[in-house]
PDB file of N, CA and C in Angstrom:
ATOM      1  N   MET A   1       0.740  -1.209   0.017  1.00  0.00           N
ATOM      2  CA  MET A   1      -0.105  -0.077   0.177  1.00  0.00           C
ATOM      3  C   MET A   1       0.981   1.201  -0.066  1.00  0.00           C
ATOM      4  N   PHE A   2       1.740   1.285   0.606  1.00  0.00           N
ATOM      5  CA  PHE A   2       2.879   2.680   0.945  1.00  0.00           C
ATOM      6  C   PHE A   2       3.554   2.816  -0.457  1.00  0.00           C
ATOM      7  N   ASP A   3       4.092   1.776  -0.986  1.00  0.00           N
ATOM      8  CA  ASP A   3       5.000   2.009  -2.447  1.00  0.00           C
ATOM      9  C   ASP A   3       3.723   2.692  -3.238  1.00  0.00           C
ATOM     10  N   GLU A   4       2.628   2.105  -3.574  1.00  0.00           N
ATOM     11  CA  GLU A   4       1.509   2.690  -4.467  1.00  0.00           C
ATOM     12  C   GLU A   4       1.334   4.170  -4.130  1.00  0.00           C
ATOM     13  N   THR A   5       0.981   4.193  -2.829  1.00  0.00           N
ATOM     14  CA  THR A   5       0.570   5.657  -2.517  1.00  0.00           C
ATOM     15  C   THR A   5       1.849   6.598  -2.825  1.00  0.00           C
ATOM     16  N   LEU A   6       2.999   6.463  -2.454  1.00  0.00           N
ATOM     17  CA  LEU A   6       4.110   7.069  -2.612  1.00  0.00           C
ATOM     18  C   LEU A   6       4.253   7.327  -4.313  1.00  0.00           C
ATOM     19  N   LYS A   7       4.324   6.422  -5.071  1.00  0.00           N
ATOM     20  CA  LYS A   7       4.272   6.553  -6.585  1.00  0.00           C
ATOM     21  C   LYS A   7       3.135   7.450  -6.911  1.00  0.00           C
ATOM     22  N   THR A   8       1.966   7.437  -6.510  1.00  0.00           N
ATOM     23  CA  THR A   8       1.045   8.258  -7.018  1.00  0.00           C
ATOM     24  C   THR A   8       1.087   9.643  -6.609  1.00  0.00           C
ATOM     25  N   VAL A   9       1.854   9.915  -5.386  1.00  0.00           N
ATOM     26  CA  VAL A   9       1.894  11.303  -5.089  1.00  0.00           C
ATOM     27  C   VAL A   9       2.778  11.824  -5.874  1.00  0.00           C
ATOM     28  N   VAL A  10       3.961  11.249  -6.137  1.00  0.00           N
ATOM     29  CA  VAL A  10       5.113  11.705  -6.858  1.00  0.00           C
ATOM     30  C   VAL A  10       4.638  11.807  -8.278  1.00  0.00           C
ATOM     31  N   GLU A  11       3.854  11.118  -8.863  1.00  0.00           N
ATOM     32  CA  GLU A  11       3.522  10.953 -10.394  1.00  0.00           C
ATOM     33  C   GLU A  11       2.529  12.043 -10.570  1.00  0.00           C
ATOM     34  N   GLU A  12       1.518  12.432  -9.388  1.00  0.00           N
ATOM     35  CA  GLU A  12       0.491  13.343  -9.709  1.00  0.00           C
ATOM     36  C   GLU A  12       0.859  14.778  -9.304  1.00  0.00           C
ATOM     37  N   THR A  13       1.877  14.986  -8.829  1.00  0.00           N
ATOM     38  CA  THR A  13       2.730  16.266  -8.519  1.00  0.00           C
ATOM     39  C   THR A  13       3.555  16.682  -9.675  1.00  0.00           C
ATOM     40  N   SER A  14       3.301  17.903 -10.379  1.00  0.00           N
ATOM     41  CA  SER A  14       4.154  18.094 -11.384  1.00  0.00           C
ATOM     42  C   SER A  14       5.440  18.602 -10.644  1.00  0.00           C
ATOM     43  N   GLY A  15       6.409  18.095 -11.302  1.00  0.00           N
ATOM     44  CA  GLY A  15       7.896  18.471 -10.713  1.00  0.00           C
ATOM     45  C   GLY A  15       8.348  17.679  -9.854  1.00  0.00           C
ATOM     46  N   GLY A  16       7.219  16.536  -9.307  1.00  0.00           N
ATOM     47  CA  GLY A  16       7.777  15.487  -8.368  1.00  0.00           C
ATOM     48  C   GLY A  16       8.786  14.586  -8.504  1.00  0.00           C
ATOM     49  N   VAL A  17       9.575  14.516  -7.563  1.00  0.00           N
ATOM     50  CA  VAL A  17      10.974  13.606  -7.893  1.00  0.00           C
ATOM     51  C   VAL A  17      11.073  12.513  -6.788  1.00  0.00           C
ATOM     52  N   GLY A  18      10.657  12.589  -5.845  1.00  0.00           N
ATOM     53  CA  GLY A  18      10.572  11.284  -4.793  1.00  0.00           C
ATOM     54  C   GLY A  18       9.807  11.603  -3.712  1.00  0.00           C
ATOM     55  N   ALA A  19       9.276  10.659  -3.066  1.00  0.00           N
ATOM     56  CA  ALA A  19       8.642  10.589  -1.567  1.00  0.00           C
ATOM     57  C   ALA A  19       8.937   9.285  -0.747  1.00  0.00           C
ATOM     58  N   VAL A  20       9.191   9.719   0.664  1.00  0.00           N
ATOM     59  CA  VAL A  20       9.538   8.889   1.475  1.00  0.00           C
ATOM     60  C   VAL A  20       8.367   8.766   2.707  1.00  0.00           C
ATOM     61  N   ILE A  21       8.340   7.610   3.396  1.00  0.00           N
ATOM     62  CA  ILE A  21       7.742   7.420   4.599  1.00  0.00           C
ATOM     63  C   ILE A  21       8.763   6.959   5.507  1.00  0.00           C
ATOM     64  N   MET A  22       9.039   7.891   6.467  1.00  0.00           N
ATOM     65  CA  MET A  22      10.436   7.508   7.281  1.00  0.00           C
ATOM     66  C   MET A  22      10.223   8.014   8.698  1.00  0.00           C
ATOM     67  N   GLY A  23      10.904   7.128   9.697  1.00  0.00           N
ATOM     68  CA  GLY A  23      10.657   7.562  11.216  1.00  0.00           C
ATOM     69  C   GLY A  23      11.309   8.631  11.504  1.00  0.00           C
ATOM     70  N   TYR A  24      11.392   9.088  12.669  1.00  0.00           N
ATOM     71  CA  TYR A  24      12.123  10.284  13.167  1.00  0.00           C
ATOM     72  C   TYR A  24      13.307   9.495  13.229  1.00  0.00           C
ATOM     73  N   ASP A  25      13.695   8.294  13.510  1.00  0.00           N
ATOM     74  CA  ASP A  25      15.202   7.689  13.783  1.00  0.00           C
ATOM     75  C   ASP A  25      15.701   7.600  12.450  1.00  0.00           C
ATOM     76  N   GLY A  26      15.008   8.128  11.320  1.00  0.00           N
ATOM     77  CA  GLY A  26      15.807   7.932  10.065  1.00  0.00           C
ATOM     78  C   GLY A  26      15.826   6.841   9.202  1.00  0.00           C
ATOM     79  N   ILE A  27      14.840   5.957   9.690  1.00  0.00           N
ATOM     80  CA  ILE A  27      14.685   4.539   8.941  1.00  0.00           C
ATOM     81  C   ILE A  27      13.553   4.567   8.095  1.00  0.00           C
ATOM     82  N   ALA A  28      13.686   4.308   6.608  1.00  0.00           N
ATOM     83  CA  ALA A  28      12.444   4.587   5.776  1.00  0.00           C
ATOM     84  C   ALA A  28      11.715   3.368   5.888  1.00  0.00           C
ATOM     85  N   ILE A  29      10.442   3.371   5.780  1.00  0.00           N
ATOM     86  CA  ILE A  29       9.266   2.380   5.719  1.00  0.00           C
ATOM     87  C   ILE A  29       9.165   1.923   4.374  1.00  0.00           C
ATOM     88  N   ALA A  30       9.040   3.130   3.523  1.00  0.00           N
ATOM     89  CA  ALA A  30       8.768   2.882   1.977  1.00  0.00           C
ATOM     90  C   ALA A  30       9.433   4.320   1.521  1.00  0.00           C
ATOM     91  N   GLN A  31       9.674   4.022   0.247  1.00  0.00           N
ATOM     92  CA  GLN A  31      10.116   5.148  -0.767  1.00  0.00           C
ATOM     93  C   GLN A  31       9.921   4.933  -2.077  1.00  0.00           C
ATOM     94  N   TYR A  32       9.786   5.950  -2.672  1.00  0.00           N
ATOM     95  CA  TYR A  32       9.751   5.861  -4.254  1.00  0.00           C
ATOM     96  C   TYR A  32      10.390   7.057  -4.784  1.00  0.00           C
ATOM     97  N   PHE A  33      11.455   6.842  -5.482  1.00  0.00           N
ATOM     98  CA  PHE A  33      12.158   8.001  -6.177  1.00  0.00           C
ATOM     99  C   PHE A  33      12.294   7.767  -7.537  1.00  0.00           C
ATOM    100  N   LYS A  34      12.258   8.887  -8.397  1.00  0.00           N
ATOM    101  CA  LYS A  34      12.455   8.927  -9.751  1.00  0.00           C
ATOM    102  C   LYS A  34      13.941   8.846  -9.960  1.00  0.00           C
ATOM    103  N   PRO A  35      14.552   8.486 -10.927  1.00  0.00           N
ATOM    104  CA  PRO A  35      16.056   8.440 -11.212  1.00  0.00           C
ATOM    105  C   PRO A  35      16.756   9.964 -11.101  1.00  0.00           C
ATOM    106  N   CYS A  36      17.362  10.069 -10.222  1.00  0.00           N
ATOM    107  CA  CYS A  36      18.003  11.248 -10.226  1.00  0.00           C
ATOM    108  C   CYS A  36      19.633  11.112  -9.799  1.00  0.00           C
ATOM    109  N   ASP A  37      20.463  11.361 -10.872  1.00  0.00           N
ATOM    110  CA  ASP A  37      21.738  10.880 -10.979  1.00  0.00           C
ATOM    111  C   ASP A  37      22.629  11.763  -9.819  1.00  0.00           C
ATOM    112  N   ASP A  38      22.254  12.943  -9.574  1.00  0.00           N
ATOM    113  CA  ASP A  38      23.160  13.810  -8.961  1.00  0.00           C
ATOM    114  C   ASP A  38      22.985  14.304  -7.801  1.00  0.00           C
ATOM    115  N   ILE A  39      21.734  13.508  -6.965  1.00  0.00           N
ATOM    116  CA  ILE A  39      21.409  13.639  -5.775  1.00  0.00           C
ATOM    117  C   ILE A  39      20.891  12.531  -5.247  1.00  0.00           C
ATOM    118  N   ASP A  40      21.335  12.417  -3.808  1.00  0.00           N
ATOM    119  CA  ASP A  40      20.959  11.160  -3.135  1.00  0.00           C
ATOM    120  C   ASP A  40      19.629  11.508  -2.336  1.00  0.00           C
ATOM    121  N   LEU A  41      18.344  11.410  -2.886  1.00  0.00           N
ATOM    122  CA  LEU A  41      17.217  11.601  -2.272  1.00  0.00           C
ATOM    123  C   LEU A  41      17.004  11.033  -0.682  1.00  0.00           C
ATOM    124  N   HIS A  42      17.457   9.801  -0.738  1.00  0.00           N
ATOM    125  CA  HIS A  42      17.374   8.988   0.596  1.00  0.00           C
ATOM    126  C   HIS A  42      18.227   9.674   1.626  1.00  0.00           C
ATOM    127  N   LEU A  43      19.523   9.912   1.384  1.00  0.00           N
ATOM    128  CA  LEU A  43      20.150  10.631   2.304  1.00  0.00           C
ATOM    129  C   LEU A  43      19.841  12.150   2.776  1.00  0.00           C
ATOM    130  N   ILE A  44      19.070  12.812   1.987  1.00  0.00           N
ATOM    131  CA  ILE A  44      18.465  14.104   2.054  1.00  0.00           C
ATOM    132  C   ILE A  44      17.195  13.608   3.173  1.00  0.00           C
ATOM    133  N   ALA A  45      16.380  12.777   2.924  1.00  0.00           N
ATOM    134  CA  ALA A  45      15.429  12.360   3.827  1.00  0.00           C
ATOM    135  C   ALA A  45      16.071  11.879   5.030  1.00  0.00           C
ATOM    136  N   VAL A  46      17.022  11.348   5.391  1.00  0.00           N
ATOM    137  CA  VAL A  46      17.768  10.973   6.716  1.00  0.00           C
ATOM    138  C   VAL A  46      17.982  12.114   7.391  1.00  0.00           C
ATOM    139  N   GLU A  47      18.908  13.061   6.508  1.00  0.00           N
ATOM    140  CA  GLU A  47      19.131  14.245   7.066  1.00  0.00           C
ATOM    141  C   GLU A  47      18.041  15.235   7.655  1.00  0.00           C
ATOM    142  N   TYR A  48      16.977  15.342   6.868  1.00  0.00           N
ATOM    143  CA  TYR A  48      15.861  16.019   7.267  1.00  0.00           C
ATOM    144  C   TYR A  48      15.186  15.386   8.519  1.00  0.00           C
ATOM    145  N   ALA A  49      14.980  13.985   8.547  1.00  0.00           N
ATOM    146  CA  ALA A  49      14.454  13.622  10.126  1.00  0.00           C
ATOM    147  C   ALA A  49      15.264  13.912  11.185  1.00  0.00           C
ATOM    148  N   ASN A  50      16.497  14.310  11.113  1.00  0.00           N
ATOM    149  CA  ASN A  50      17.315  14.848  12.401  1.00  0.00           C
ATOM    150  C   ASN A  50      16.881  16.044  12.444  1.00  0.00           C
ATOM    151  N   ILE A  51      16.568  16.754  11.403  1.00  0.00           N
ATOM    152  CA  ILE A  51      16.137  18.421  11.847  1.00  0.00           C
ATOM    153  C   ILE A  51      14.662  18.295  12.091  1.00  0.00           C
ATOM    154  N   LEU A  52      13.922  17.445  11.667  1.00  0.00           N
ATOM    155  CA  LEU A  52      12.520  17.568  12.001  1.00  0.00           C
ATOM    156  C   LEU A  52      12.436  17.035  13.696  1.00  0.00           C
ATOM    157  N   LYS A  53      13.284  16.106  14.149  1.00  0.00           N
ATOM    158  CA  LYS A  53      13.356  15.834  15.477  1.00  0.00           C
ATOM    159  C   LYS A  53      13.634  17.295  16.520  1.00  0.00           C
ATOM    160  N   GLU A  54      14.380  18.029  15.975  1.00  0.00           N
ATOM    161  CA  GLU A  54      14.801  19.416  16.668  1.00  0.00           C
ATOM    162  C   GLU A  54      13.493  20.013  16.399  1.00  0.00           C
ATOM    163  N   ILE A  55      12.836  20.217  15.239  1.00  0.00           N
ATOM    164  CA  ILE A  55      11.741  21.283  15.164  1.00  0.00           C
ATOM    165  C   ILE A  55      10.536  20.863  16.047  1.00  0.00           C
ATOM    166  N   ARG A  56      10.374  19.575  16.306  1.00  0.00           N
ATOM    167  CA  ARG A  56       9.223  19.004  16.919  1.00  0.00           C
ATOM    168  C   ARG A  56       9.265  19.226  18.493  1.00  0.00           C
ATOM    169  N   LYS A  57      10.888  19.047  18.755  1.00  0.00           N
ATOM    170  CA  LYS A  57      11.248  19.298  20.250  1.00  0.00           C
ATOM    171  C   LYS A  57      10.922  20.944  20.363  1.00  0.00           C
ATOM    172  N   ALA A  58      11.203  21.943  19.640  1.00  0.00           N
ATOM    173  CA  ALA A  58      11.004  23.290  19.779  1.00  0.00           C
ATOM    174  C   ALA A  58       9.347  23.489  19.892  1.00  0.00           C
ATOM    175  N   VAL A  59       8.780  22.881  19.080  1.00  0.00           N
ATOM    176  CA  VAL A  59       7.242  23.020  18.918  1.00  0.00           C
ATOM    177  C   VAL A  59       6.428  22.652  20.392  1.00  0.00           C
ATOM    178  N   GLU A  60       7.195  21.355  20.927  1.00  0.00           N
ATOM    179  CA  GLU A  60       6.656  20.900  22.309  1.00  0.00           C
ATOM    180  C   GLU A  60       7.358  21.924  23.364  1.00  0.00           C
ATOM    181  N   ILE A  61       8.263  22.594  23.441  1.00  0.00           N
ATOM    182  CA  ILE A  61       8.677  23.268  24.267  1.00  0.00           C
ATOM    183  C   ILE A  61       8.012  24.653  24.446  1.00  0.00           C
ATOM    184  N   LEU A  62       7.780  25.189  22.966  1.00  0.00           N
ATOM    185  CA  LEU A  62       7.019  26.261  22.929  1.00  0.00           C
ATOM    186  C   LEU A  62       5.385  26.318  23.156  1.00  0.00           C
ATOM    187  N   ASN A  63       5.082  24.996  23.424  1.00  0.00           N
ATOM    188  CA  ASN A  63       3.662  24.651  23.504  1.00  0.00           C
ATOM    189  C   ASN A  63       2.746  25.629  22.695  1.00  0.00           C
ATOM    190  N   THR A  64       3.121  25.144  21.297  1.00  0.00           N
ATOM    191  CA  THR A  64       2.407  25.606  20.051  1.00  0.00           C
ATOM    192  C   THR A  64       1.361  24.856  19.450  1.00  0.00           C
ATOM    193  N   GLY A  65       0.998  23.599  19.828  1.00  0.00           N
ATOM    194  CA  GLY A  65       0.329  22.600  19.438  1.00  0.00           C
ATOM    195  C   GLY A  65       1.359  21.487  18.695  1.00  0.00           C
ATOM    196  N   VAL A  66       0.581  20.839  18.028  1.00  0.00           N
ATOM    197  CA  VAL A  66       1.348  19.688  17.320  1.00  0.00           C
ATOM    198  C   VAL A  66       1.836  19.893  16.072  1.00  0.00           C
ATOM    199  N   MET A  67       3.012  19.648  15.576  1.00  0.00           N
ATOM    200  CA  MET A  67       3.810  19.888  14.296  1.00  0.00           C
ATOM    201  C   MET A  67       2.850  18.993  13.195  1.00  0.00           C
ATOM    202  N   GLU A  68       2.271  19.704  12.331  1.00  0.00           N
ATOM    203  CA  GLU A  68       1.616  19.122  10.893  1.00  0.00           C
ATOM    204  C   GLU A  68       2.270  18.986   9.784  1.00  0.00           C
ATOM    205  N   GLU A  69       2.913  20.318   9.345  1.00  0.00           N
ATOM    206  CA  GLU A  69       3.653  20.268   8.078  1.00  0.00           C
ATOM    207  C   GLU A  69       4.967  21.164   8.328  1.00  0.00           C
ATOM    208  N   VAL A  70       5.910  20.929   7.522  1.00  0.00           N
ATOM    209  CA  VAL A  70       7.061  21.663   7.347  1.00  0.00           C
ATOM    210  C   VAL A  70       7.527  21.777   5.622  1.00  0.00           C
ATOM    211  N   ALA A  71       7.892  22.784   5.421  1.00  0.00           N
ATOM    212  CA  ALA A  71       8.203  23.032   4.082  1.00  0.00           C
ATOM    213  C   ALA A  71       9.814  23.596   4.189  1.00  0.00           C
ATOM    214  N   ILE A  72      10.531  22.853   3.252  1.00  0.00           N
ATOM    215  CA  ILE A  72      11.857  23.401   3.227  1.00  0.00           C
ATOM    216  C   ILE A  72      12.282  23.987   1.499  1.00  0.00           C
ATOM    217  N   LYS A  73      12.539  24.850   1.547  1.00  0.00           N
ATOM    218  CA  LYS A  73      13.101  25.532   0.063  1.00  0.00           C
ATOM    219  C   LYS A  73      14.497  25.493  -0.223  1.00  0.00           C
ATOM    220  N   THR A  74      14.775  24.943  -1.172  1.00  0.00           N
ATOM    221  CA  THR A  74      16.278  25.095  -1.415  1.00  0.00           C
ATOM    222  C   THR A  74      16.225  25.794  -2.810  1.00  0.00           C
ATOM    223  N   GLU A  75      17.400  26.022  -3.340  1.00  0.00           N
ATOM    224  CA  GLU A  75      17.909  26.718  -4.686  1.00  0.00           C
ATOM    225  C   GLU A  75      17.402  25.674  -5.665  1.00  0.00           C
ATOM    226  N   ARG A  76      17.235  24.154  -5.612  1.00  0.00           N
ATOM    227  CA  ARG A  76      16.815  23.375  -6.632  1.00  0.00           C
ATOM    228  C   ARG A  76      15.442  22.654  -6.133  1.00  0.00           C
ATOM    229  N   PHE A  77      15.111  22.561  -5.069  1.00  0.00           N
ATOM    230  CA  PHE A  77      13.994  21.674  -4.624  1.00  0.00           C
ATOM    231  C   PHE A  77      13.081  22.444  -3.620  1.00  0.00           C
ATOM    232  N   TYR A  78      11.839  21.978  -3.600  1.00  0.00           N
ATOM    233  CA  TYR A  78      11.091  21.950  -2.330  1.00  0.00           C
ATOM    234  C   TYR A  78      10.948  20.685  -1.493  1.00  0.00           C
ATOM    235  N   VAL A  79      10.791  20.491  -0.431  1.00  0.00           N
ATOM    236  CA  VAL A  79      10.846  19.603   0.329  1.00  0.00           C
ATOM    237  C   VAL A  79       9.453  19.796   1.218  1.00  0.00           C
ATOM    238  N   VAL A  80       8.419  18.919   1.219  1.00  0.00           N
ATOM    239  CA  VAL A  80       7.180  19.171   2.019  1.00  0.00           C
ATOM    240  C   VAL A  80       7.120  17.849   2.704  1.00  0.00           C
ATOM    241  N   ILE A  81       6.978  18.296   4.003  1.00  0.00           N
ATOM    242  CA  ILE A  81       6.923  17.066   4.880  1.00  0.00           C
ATOM    243  C   ILE A  81       5.651  17.146   5.880  1.00  0.00           C
ATOM    244  N   ARG A  82       4.908  16.318   6.096  1.00  0.00           N
ATOM    245  CA  ARG A  82       3.732  16.311   6.858  1.00  0.00           C
ATOM    246  C   ARG A  82       3.635  14.994   7.948  1.00  0.00           C
ATOM    247  N   THR A  83       3.394  15.347   9.151  1.00  0.00           N
ATOM    248  CA  THR A  83       3.533  14.264  10.037  1.00  0.00           C
ATOM    249  C   THR A  83       2.545  13.333   9.914  1.00  0.00           C
ATOM    250  N   LEU A  84       2.551  12.046  10.187  1.00  0.00           N
ATOM    251  CA  LEU A  84       1.548  10.963  10.123  1.00  0.00           C
ATOM    252  C   LEU A  84       1.446  10.728  11.552  1.00  0.00           C
ATOM    253  N   THR A  85       2.268  10.198  12.328  1.00  0.00           N
ATOM    254  CA  THR A  85       2.139   9.771  13.759  1.00  0.00           C
ATOM    255  C   THR A  85       3.070  10.513  14.461  1.00  0.00           C
ATOM    256  N   SER A  86       3.409  10.044  15.893  1.00  0.00           N
ATOM    257  CA  SER A  86       4.386  10.759  16.780  1.00  0.00           C
ATOM    258  C   SER A  86       5.588   9.891  16.339  1.00  0.00           C
ATOM    259  N   GLU A  87       5.519   8.960  15.461  1.00  0.00           N
ATOM    260  CA  GLU A  87       6.899   8.418  15.067  1.00  0.00           C
ATOM    261  C   GLU A  87       7.249   8.501  13.591  1.00  0.00           C
ATOM    262  N   TYR A  88       6.072   8.805  12.802  1.00  0.00           N
ATOM    263  CA  TYR A  88       6.594   8.780  11.218  1.00  0.00           C
ATOM    264  C   TYR A  88       6.079   9.913  10.734  1.00  0.00           C
ATOM    265  N   PHE A  89       6.667  10.234   9.588  1.00  0.00           N
ATOM    266  CA  PHE A  89       6.332  11.268   8.628  1.00  0.00           C
ATOM    267  C   PHE A  89       6.392  10.998   7.150  1.00  0.00           C
ATOM    268  N   ILE A  90       5.764  11.669   6.308  1.00  0.00           N
ATOM    269  CA  ILE A  90       5.801  11.528   4.735  1.00  0.00           C
ATOM    270  C   ILE A  90       6.636  12.897   4.124  1.00  0.00           C
ATOM    271  N   ALA A  91       7.551  12.880   3.402  1.00  0.00           N
ATOM    272  CA  ALA A  91       8.174  13.679   2.659  1.00  0.00           C
ATOM    273  C   ALA A  91       8.145  13.617   1.228  1.00  0.00           C
ATOM    274  N   LEU A  92       7.888  14.625   0.525  1.00  0.00           N
ATOM    275  CA  LEU A  92       8.018  14.911  -1.038  1.00  0.00           C
ATOM    276  C   LEU A  92       8.862  15.869  -1.368  1.00  0.00           C
ATOM    277  N   THR A  93       9.718  15.365  -2.292  1.00  0.00           N
ATOM    278  CA  THR A  93      10.678  16.375  -3.028  1.00  0.00           C
ATOM    279  C   THR A  93      10.111  16.596  -4.199  1.00  0.00           C
ATOM    280  N   LEU A  94      10.180  18.034  -4.549  1.00  0.00           N
ATOM    281  CA  LEU A  94       9.939  18.298  -5.934  1.00  0.00           C
ATOM    282  C   LEU A  94      10.637  19.364  -6.482  1.00  0.00           C
ATOM    283  N   GLU A  95      10.847  19.541  -7.685  1.00  0.00           N
ATOM    284  CA  GLU A  95      11.635  20.574  -8.500  1.00  0.00           C
ATOM    285  C   GLU A  95      10.994  21.799  -8.122  1.00  0.00           C
ATOM    286  N   ARG A  96      11.946  23.107  -8.220  1.00  0.00           N
ATOM    287  CA  ARG A  96      11.412  24.345  -7.619  1.00  0.00           C
ATOM    288  C   ARG A  96      10.311  24.821  -8.504  1.00  0.00           C
ATOM    289  N   ASP A  97      10.400  24.368  -9.789  1.00  0.00           N
ATOM    290  CA  ASP A  97       9.123  24.763 -10.651  1.00  0.00           C
ATOM    291  C   ASP A  97       8.012  23.955 -10.811  1.00  0.00           C
ATOM    292  N   GLY A  98       8.015  22.883  -9.733  1.00  0.00           N
ATOM    293  CA  GLY A  98       6.763  22.105  -9.539  1.00  0.00           C
ATOM    294  C   GLY A  98       5.668  22.448  -8.750  1.00  0.00           C
ATOM    295  N   ASN A  99       4.671  21.969  -8.711  1.00  0.00           N
ATOM    296  CA  ASN A  99       3.311  22.461  -8.368  1.00  0.00           C
ATOM    297  C   ASN A  99       3.406  22.225  -6.736  1.00  0.00           C
ATOM    298  N   PHE A 100       3.943  23.443  -5.822  1.00  0.00           N
ATOM    299  CA  PHE A 100       4.004  23.184  -4.403  1.00  0.00           C
ATOM    300  C   PHE A 100       2.605  23.018  -3.841  1.00  0.00           C
ATOM    301  N   GLY A 101       1.712  23.912  -4.306  1.00  0.00           N
ATOM    302  CA  GLY A 101       0.160  23.681  -3.673  1.00  0.00           C
ATOM    303  C   GLY A 101      -0.530  22.098  -3.801  1.00  0.00           C
ATOM    304  N   LYS A 102      -0.024  21.638  -4.828  1.00  0.00           N
ATOM    305  CA  LYS A 102      -0.851  20.454  -5.294  1.00  0.00           C
ATOM    306  C   LYS A 102       0.107  19.351  -4.455  1.00  0.00           C
ATOM    307  N   ALA A 103       1.626  19.759  -4.094  1.00  0.00           N
ATOM    308  CA  ALA A 103       1.930  18.575  -3.263  1.00  0.00           C
ATOM    309  C   ALA A 103       1.461  18.621  -1.845  1.00  0.00           C
ATOM    310  N   ARG A 104       1.367  19.973  -1.560  1.00  0.00           N
ATOM    311  CA  ARG A 104       0.608  19.974  -0.025  1.00  0.00           C
ATOM    312  C   ARG A 104      -0.483  19.390  -0.184  1.00  0.00           C
ATOM    313  N   TYR A 105      -1.402  19.442  -1.028  1.00  0.00           N
ATOM    314  CA  TYR A 105      -2.696  18.998  -1.136  1.00  0.00           C
ATOM    315  C   TYR A 105      -2.583  17.434  -1.306  1.00  0.00           C
ATOM    316  N   LEU A 106      -1.777  16.877  -1.837  1.00  0.00           N
ATOM    317  CA  LEU A 106      -1.895  15.387  -1.921  1.00  0.00           C
ATOM    318  C   LEU A 106      -1.311  14.701  -0.857  1.00  0.00           C
ATOM    319  N   LEU A 107      -0.384  15.395  -0.238  1.00  0.00           N
ATOM    320  CA  LEU A 107       0.145  14.827   1.273  1.00  0.00           C
ATOM    321  C   LEU A 107      -0.858  14.853   2.245  1.00  0.00           C
ATOM    322  N   LEU A 108      -1.883  15.939   2.412  1.00  0.00           N
ATOM    323  CA  LEU A 108      -2.785  16.036   2.980  1.00  0.00           C
ATOM    324  C   LEU A 108      -3.896  14.909   2.802  1.00  0.00           C
ATOM    325  N   ARG A 109      -4.166  14.651   1.631  1.00  0.00           N
ATOM    326  CA  ARG A 109      -5.312  13.841   1.062  1.00  0.00           C
ATOM    327  C   ARG A 109      -4.883  12.322   1.563  1.00  0.00           C
ATOM    328  N   GLU A 110      -3.842  12.154   1.466  1.00  0.00           N
ATOM    329  CA  GLU A 110      -3.316  10.800   1.665  1.00  0.00           C
ATOM    330  C   GLU A 110      -2.847  10.452   3.107  1.00  0.00           C
ATOM    331  N   ALA A 111      -2.681  11.477   3.824  1.00  0.00           N
ATOM    332  CA  ALA A 111      -2.156  11.231   5.216  1.00  0.00           C
ATOM    333  C   ALA A 111      -3.083  10.495   6.254  1.00  0.00           C
ATOM    334  N   GLY A 112      -4.426  10.604   6.151  1.00  0.00           N
ATOM    335  CA  GLY A 112      -5.458   9.759   6.842  1.00  0.00           C
ATOM    336  C   GLY A 112      -5.260   8.370   6.566  1.00  0.00           C
ATOM    337  N   SER A 113      -5.251   7.795   5.280  1.00  0.00           N
ATOM    338  CA  SER A 113      -4.870   6.669   5.121  1.00  0.00           C
ATOM    339  C   SER A 113      -3.685   5.906   5.486  1.00  0.00           C
ATOM    340  N   LEU A 114      -2.629   6.584   5.400  1.00  0.00           N
ATOM    341  CA  LEU A 114      -1.263   6.242   5.704  1.00  0.00           C
ATOM    342  C   LEU A 114      -1.373   6.118   7.245  1.00  0.00           C
ATOM    343  N   ARG A 115      -1.884   7.131   7.701  1.00  0.00           N
ATOM    344  CA  ARG A 115      -1.742   7.164   9.382  1.00  0.00           C
ATOM    345  C   ARG A 115      -2.525   5.847   9.937  1.00  0.00           C
ATOM    346  N   GLU A 116      -3.734   5.409   9.156  1.00  0.00           N
ATOM    347  CA  GLU A 116      -4.533   4.498   9.891  1.00  0.00           C
ATOM    348  C   GLU A 116      -3.523   3.121   9.479  1.00  0.00           C
ATOM    349  N   ALA A 117      -2.706   2.906   8.303  1.00  0.00           N
ATOM    350  CA  ALA A 117      -2.091   2.040   7.939  1.00  0.00           C
ATOM    351  C   ALA A 117      -0.910   1.599   9.103  1.00  0.00           C
ATOM    352  N   LEU A 118      -0.474   2.792   9.586  1.00  0.00           N
ATOM    353  CA  LEU A 118       0.585   2.560  10.402  1.00  0.00           C
ATOM    354  C   LEU A 118       0.281   2.436  11.767  1.00  0.00           C
ATOM    355  N   LEU A 119      -0.970   2.420  12.400  1.00  0.00           N
ATOM    356  CA  LEU A 119      -1.372   2.360  13.605  1.00  0.00           C
ATOM    357  C   LEU A 119      -1.861   0.831  13.809  1.00  0.00           C
TER     358      LEU A 119
END
């Protein structure tokens, strides 16, 4: 189920490059990446998992509610991250000229069924 959902999210997002369901420990449960010779998308996801742990900790300390979504914009990519459970998140990487709004929508649309499957 996870593999098909990730493929759908990437393929339905204009500019989609890859998606991963990962634990905050940096271990991927499922991933789907289009061929990309000059960048290691799995390594990016692992590094962002470490950053997300720190963001989540800050959110808890500041008592601003549960972290739902994080977006990272670089020179080449957007990375949209949506929390699924207290242990897992989904991250979608897309090219800068990709459809950022649709990426957010698709992650929101799929989050419920992914959450249920993880619990």
